[in-house]
Each structure stands twice: as structure tokens, then as C-alpha cells.
Amino acid sequence: MSEYDVATQEGHEQFVRDCWDFLAYHAYDGYLRLGRGAVVVTPVKSELKIKGPAYLPLDTIDGSPPDPEQFLPGFVQCLTEYDPAQEFVCMFALGGDLSFFARYASEDPAKTPAILHSVFKRGGKTQ
């Protein structure tokens, strides 16, 4: 896996592009199992890797400490507005109060989270 500059938005975006199929699949799988939420990526030794992969369901965010809205304004609103079949939310947990999140959608209609989930569940591969 390539190294990514976890301190920059460009590093996060490159990681999402490089790992699109994996992230989109897990985001939609998390949505089907747990409802709306975000895939969580954490840095490990200067690389972005997914632990688990982690999925943070919206219904577990209740405003009690630590309230993500305090350090990620707009995060809950983003989770309530995205279209899970077409896009996903990815949060980069950089430690302490340093986090970044974004909403991602594929420009390729064959690479939406719902389609990738269906393909991988059938044991298929993407091109």
C-alpha cells in the first residue's frame, strides 16, 4: 500500500481513490447492517489503514461526550443527508480532536456503493 500524507486533504482523497472499491463496499455493508453512518479510517505508522474496517453508525452518536459535532461541525448533518446507495461518508480519525470527514460519490455509475456491494456479495470482481 502506498504511503499517504495523513495531514492533508489531498492525502485523504488519494487514499479514497486508491481504496474506492473496498471503502464503498464496507460503507454500504455497514449501512445495510447498522443504518446510516461513516466508514472510519485511522492512520497507522504514517499510512492510512482501516481497522476492522470500522463503521460508525449514526444512531450511536447521541450528543453525549465525545460529541462529534463539537470537533466535526456538520458531521451528523452529512450522515443524515447522503444517499447510501450512491455515496458514502468517510471519517479520518487522526487522534485526539483531529479528524476530517467527507462525502464521496463515484463518477462511474458502475462503482456506486450499492453496486459494488452486490458484485462482491456474488463473488464477482470489478474492472
C-alpha atoms as a PDB file:
ATOM      1  CA  MET A   1       0.000   0.000   0.000  1.00  0.00           C
ATOM      2  CA  SER A   2       1.226   3.483  -0.776  1.00  0.00           C
ATOM      3  CA  GLU A   3       2.001   5.970   1.934  1.00  0.00           C
ATOM      4  CA  TYR A   4      -0.396   8.874   2.294  1.00  0.00           C
ATOM      5  CA  ASP A   5       0.137  12.251   3.901  1.00  0.00           C
ATOM      6  CA  VAL A   6      -2.454  11.980   6.650  1.00  0.00           C
ATOM      7  CA  ALA A   7      -2.119  15.661   7.465  1.00  0.00           C
ATOM      8  CA  THR A   8      -3.590  16.823   4.159  1.00  0.00           C
ATOM      9  CA  GLN A   9      -6.937  16.650   2.430  1.00  0.00           C
ATOM     10  CA  GLU A  10      -5.119  15.580  -0.736  1.00  0.00           C
ATOM     11  CA  GLY A  11      -3.704  12.559   1.120  1.00  0.00           C
ATOM     12  CA  HIS A  12      -7.175  11.578   2.304  1.00  0.00           C
ATOM     13  CA  GLU A  13      -8.666  11.965  -1.172  1.00  0.00           C
ATOM     14  CA  GLN A  14      -5.882   9.918  -2.765  1.00  0.00           C
ATOM     15  CA  PHE A  15      -6.449   7.162  -0.208  1.00  0.00           C
ATOM     16  CA  VAL A  16     -10.186   7.109  -1.003  1.00  0.00           C
ATOM     17  CA  ARG A  17      -9.486   6.958  -4.758  1.00  0.00           C
ATOM     18  CA  ASP A  18      -6.948   4.148  -4.306  1.00  0.00           C
ATOM     19  CA  CYS A  19      -9.225   2.140  -1.993  1.00  0.00           C
ATOM     20  CA  TRP A  20     -12.582   3.085  -3.531  1.00  0.00           C
ATOM     21  CA  ASP A  21     -13.994  -0.422  -4.060  1.00  0.00           C
ATOM     22  CA  PHE A  22     -13.074  -1.563  -0.558  1.00  0.00           C
ATOM     23  CA  LEU A  23     -14.393   1.564   1.179  1.00  0.00           C
ATOM     24  CA  ALA A  24     -17.610   1.731  -0.866  1.00  0.00           C
ATOM     25  CA  TYR A  25     -18.354  -1.943  -0.231  1.00  0.00           C
ATOM     26  CA  HIS A  26     -17.845  -1.622   3.523  1.00  0.00           C
ATOM     27  CA  ALA A  27     -19.802   1.615   3.716  1.00  0.00           C
ATOM     28  CA  TYR A  28     -22.833   0.039   2.075  1.00  0.00           C
ATOM     29  CA  ASP A  29     -22.437  -3.162   4.083  1.00  0.00           C
ATOM     30  CA  GLY A  30     -22.380  -1.075   7.268  1.00  0.00           C
ATOM     31  CA  TYR A  31     -25.444   0.809   6.100  1.00  0.00           C
ATOM     32  CA  LEU A  32     -27.368  -2.423   5.444  1.00  0.00           C
ATOM     33  CA  ARG A  33     -26.413  -3.900   8.823  1.00  0.00           C
ATOM     34  CA  LEU A  34     -26.401  -0.833  11.085  1.00  0.00           C
ATOM     35  CA  GLY A  35     -28.090   2.042   9.257  1.00  0.00           C
ATOM     36  CA  ARG A  36     -26.626   5.376   8.204  1.00  0.00           C
ATOM     37  CA  GLY A  37     -23.074   6.010   9.285  1.00  0.00           C
ATOM     38  CA  ALA A  38     -19.479   6.546   8.245  1.00  0.00           C
ATOM     39  CA  VAL A  39     -16.501   4.356   7.452  1.00  0.00           C
ATOM     40  CA  VAL A  40     -13.721   5.298   9.863  1.00  0.00           C
ATOM     41  CA  VAL A  41     -10.092   5.311   8.737  1.00  0.00           C
ATOM     42  CA  THR A  42      -7.218   5.728  11.170  1.00  0.00           C
ATOM     43  CA  PRO A  43      -3.525   6.356  10.492  1.00  0.00           C
ATOM     44  CA  VAL A  44      -1.083   3.609  11.379  1.00  0.00           C
ATOM     45  CA  LYS A  45       2.637   4.382  11.104  1.00  0.00           C
ATOM     46  CA  SER A  46       2.167   7.240   8.610  1.00  0.00           C
ATOM     47  CA  GLU A  47      -0.180   5.210   6.429  1.00  0.00           C
ATOM     48  CA  LEU A  48      -3.941   5.277   6.323  1.00  0.00           C
ATOM     49  CA  LYS A  49      -5.353   1.871   7.043  1.00  0.00           C
ATOM     50  CA  ILE A  50      -8.744   0.675   8.056  1.00  0.00           C
ATOM     51  CA  LYS A  51      -9.031  -1.006  11.413  1.00  0.00           C
ATOM     52  CA  GLY A  52     -11.646  -3.673  11.203  1.00  0.00           C
ATOM     53  CA  PRO A  53     -12.914  -1.933   8.949  1.00  0.00           C
ATOM     54  CA  ALA A  54     -14.593   0.417  11.368  1.00  0.00           C
ATOM     55  CA  TYR A  55     -18.106   1.693  10.780  1.00  0.00           C
ATOM     56  CA  LEU A  56     -19.662   4.395  12.951  1.00  0.00           C
ATOM     57  CA  PRO A  57     -23.471   4.188  12.833  1.00  0.00           C
ATOM     58  CA  LEU A  58     -25.378   7.460  13.113  1.00  0.00           C
ATOM     59  CA  ASP A  59     -27.681   6.102  15.816  1.00  0.00           C
ATOM     60  CA  THR A  60     -24.699   5.664  18.170  1.00  0.00           C
ATOM     61  CA  ILE A  61     -23.990   9.394  18.013  1.00  0.00           C
ATOM     62  CA  ASP A  62     -26.291  10.823  20.643  1.00  0.00           C
ATOM     63  CA  GLY A  63     -24.619  14.104  21.548  1.00  0.00           C
ATOM     64  CA  SER A  64     -23.004  12.731  24.702  1.00  0.00           C
ATOM     65  CA  PRO A  65     -19.245  13.173  25.105  1.00  0.00           C
ATOM     66  CA  PRO A  66     -17.369  12.968  22.923  1.00  0.00           C
ATOM     67  CA  ASP A  67     -19.877  14.759  20.715  1.00  0.00           C
ATOM     68  CA  PRO A  68     -18.558  14.687  17.113  1.00  0.00           C
ATOM     69  CA  GLU A  69     -20.365  17.937  16.358  1.00  0.00           C
ATOM     70  CA  GLN A  70     -18.001  19.685  18.773  1.00  0.00           C
ATOM     71  CA  PHE A  71     -14.929  18.851  16.709  1.00  0.00           C
ATOM     72  CA  LEU A  72     -16.550  17.949  13.374  1.00  0.00           C
ATOM     73  CA  PRO A  73     -19.220  20.561  12.641  1.00  0.00           C
ATOM     74  CA  GLY A  74     -21.691  19.277  10.063  1.00  0.00           C
ATOM     75  CA  PHE A  75     -20.806  15.593  10.568  1.00  0.00           C
ATOM     76  CA  VAL A  76     -24.235  14.479  11.812  1.00  0.00           C
ATOM     77  CA  GLN A  77     -25.990  16.527   9.127  1.00  0.00           C
ATOM     78  CA  CYS A  78     -23.796  14.911   6.475  1.00  0.00           C
ATOM     79  CA  LEU A  79     -24.739  11.458   7.810  1.00  0.00           C
ATOM     80  CA  THR A  80     -28.426  12.286   7.575  1.00  0.00           C
ATOM     81  CA  GLU A  81     -28.233  13.684   4.035  1.00  0.00           C
ATOM     82  CA  TYR A  82     -26.004  11.364   1.997  1.00  0.00           C
ATOM     83  CA  ASP A  83     -27.512   8.773  -0.362  1.00  0.00           C
ATOM     84  CA  PRO A  84     -26.134   5.411   0.879  1.00  0.00           C
ATOM     85  CA  ALA A  85     -26.694   3.650  -2.459  1.00  0.00           C
ATOM     86  CA  GLN A  86     -24.757   6.308  -4.386  1.00  0.00           C
ATOM     87  CA  GLU A  87     -22.215   7.752  -1.944  1.00  0.00           C
ATOM     88  CA  PHE A  88     -20.549   7.236   1.421  1.00  0.00           C
ATOM     89  CA  VAL A  89     -19.106   9.262   4.258  1.00  0.00           C
ATOM     90  CA  CYS A  90     -15.551   8.588   5.337  1.00  0.00           C
ATOM     91  CA  MET A  91     -14.118   9.930   8.573  1.00  0.00           C
ATOM     92  CA  PHE A  92     -10.375  10.098   9.085  1.00  0.00           C
ATOM     93  CA  ALA A  93      -9.679   9.839  12.825  1.00  0.00           C
ATOM     94  CA  LEU A  94      -6.245  11.377  13.235  1.00  0.00           C
ATOM     95  CA  GLY A  95      -6.070  11.188  17.029  1.00  0.00           C
ATOM     96  CA  GLY A  96      -7.265  13.478  19.771  1.00  0.00           C
ATOM     97  CA  ASP A  97      -9.612  16.095  18.407  1.00  0.00           C
ATOM     98  CA  LEU A  98      -8.040  15.955  14.948  1.00  0.00           C
ATOM     99  CA  SER A  99     -10.443  14.413  12.497  1.00  0.00           C
ATOM    100  CA  PHE A 100     -11.660  15.057   8.987  1.00  0.00           C
ATOM    101  CA  PHE A 101     -14.708  13.771   7.158  1.00  0.00           C
ATOM    102  CA  ALA A 102     -16.031  13.997   3.635  1.00  0.00           C
ATOM    103  CA  ARG A 103     -18.840  12.690   1.490  1.00  0.00           C
ATOM    104  CA  TYR A 104     -17.726  10.742  -1.579  1.00  0.00           C
ATOM    105  CA  ALA A 105     -19.560   9.720  -4.748  1.00  0.00           C
ATOM    106  CA  SER A 106     -18.225   7.829  -7.740  1.00  0.00           C
ATOM    107  CA  GLU A 107     -18.192   9.395 -11.161  1.00  0.00           C
ATOM    108  CA  ASP A 108     -18.512   5.870 -12.551  1.00  0.00           C
ATOM    109  CA  PRO A 109     -22.118   4.602 -12.278  1.00  0.00           C
ATOM    110  CA  ALA A 110     -20.786   1.033 -12.077  1.00  0.00           C
ATOM    111  CA  LYS A 111     -18.828   1.868  -8.908  1.00  0.00           C
ATOM    112  CA  THR A 112     -21.566   3.023  -6.545  1.00  0.00           C
ATOM    113  CA  PRO A 113     -21.568   1.539  -3.036  1.00  0.00           C
ATOM    114  CA  ALA A 114     -24.763  -0.452  -3.718  1.00  0.00           C
ATOM    115  CA  ILE A 115     -23.465  -1.906  -6.983  1.00  0.00           C
ATOM    116  CA  LEU A 116     -20.047  -2.780  -5.565  1.00  0.00           C
ATOM    117  CA  HIS A 117     -21.688  -4.430  -2.572  1.00  0.00           C
ATOM    118  CA  SER A 118     -23.865  -6.520  -4.875  1.00  0.00           C
ATOM    119  CA  VAL A 119     -20.905  -7.501  -7.057  1.00  0.00           C
ATOM    120  CA  PHE A 120     -18.698  -8.535  -4.114  1.00  0.00           C
ATOM    121  CA  LYS A 121     -21.524 -10.412  -2.366  1.00  0.00           C
ATOM    122  CA  ARG A 122     -21.915 -12.513  -5.534  1.00  0.00           C
ATOM    123  CA  GLY A 123     -18.176 -13.191  -5.514  1.00  0.00           C
ATOM    124  CA  GLY A 124     -17.552 -11.008  -8.552  1.00  0.00           C
ATOM    125  CA  LYS A 125     -14.733  -8.630  -9.263  1.00  0.00           C
ATOM    126  CA  THR A 126     -14.730  -5.079 -10.505  1.00  0.00           C
ATOM    127  CA  GLN A 127     -12.758  -3.950 -13.505  1.00  0.00           C
END
